[in-house]
Amino acid sequence: MITFSFYFFVFIRVLCMVLTDRKQINGKLIYKKYVALIFQIAVLPLLLILYVNNIISYYRILYFGINYFLSDIPGIIYQKDYKYLFHHFLAFFFYYIAIYYVSKNLYTYILKNVVLMELGSSMLSIDLIFNYKVIIKNKHNIFLLSRVLTMINTYLLCLKINSFFINISIIFFFGLLMIHNFGIYQYLKYKSRK
């Protein structure tokens, strides 16, 4: 599971940490936001292009996602950001299900969820690169839309999975994730009014 992608993200994290001199915004290390954006709006789209062109496998994308989250854990523990650690645990669970329990004919559902979730999550940091009023005022709406579309896609995925246990597990952990994400949505909505 720990592959080139893990070391790639460790390198990117260290590079961003050095370049930002460990500066913080609202008590959060800014380098983590840059690393997230690199994954969400550069690496992930590139991986999807490679996948669509049959250059890499479905699993390669998922392992990149796992290793992106895994490389973030030391920073989360250092900052004692346990809510974020919980978020990563939920992400690991979904990646685990996607790798070991989803049949090939359902890969598209999984990849849609990965893209939708990461696109929505990019709204937490996007203003570091694109600091336009229209983006800042609508980050919460884009985030919410990504979560609603993910819920619909997850529902369609569950309809196609024949395992009661897997479906219940997905619904339970997805529900926890959406509760956590509702708090993030509220925060983004509040920030958009400033």
Foldseek 3Di string as FASTA:
>chain_A
DDDPLLVVLLVQLVVLCVVQVQDDDPLHGLSLLVSLCCVQVPVLVVVVVCVVVVNDHLLVSLVNVLSNLVSCVVVCVVSVVVLVVLLNVLSVVLSVCLVPPDDPVLSVLSSLLVNLQSQLVNLVRVCVPVVDLVSLLCSLVSNVVSLVVNVVSLVVRLVPRPDPVSSVVCVVSNVVNVVSSVVVSVVSNVRSVD
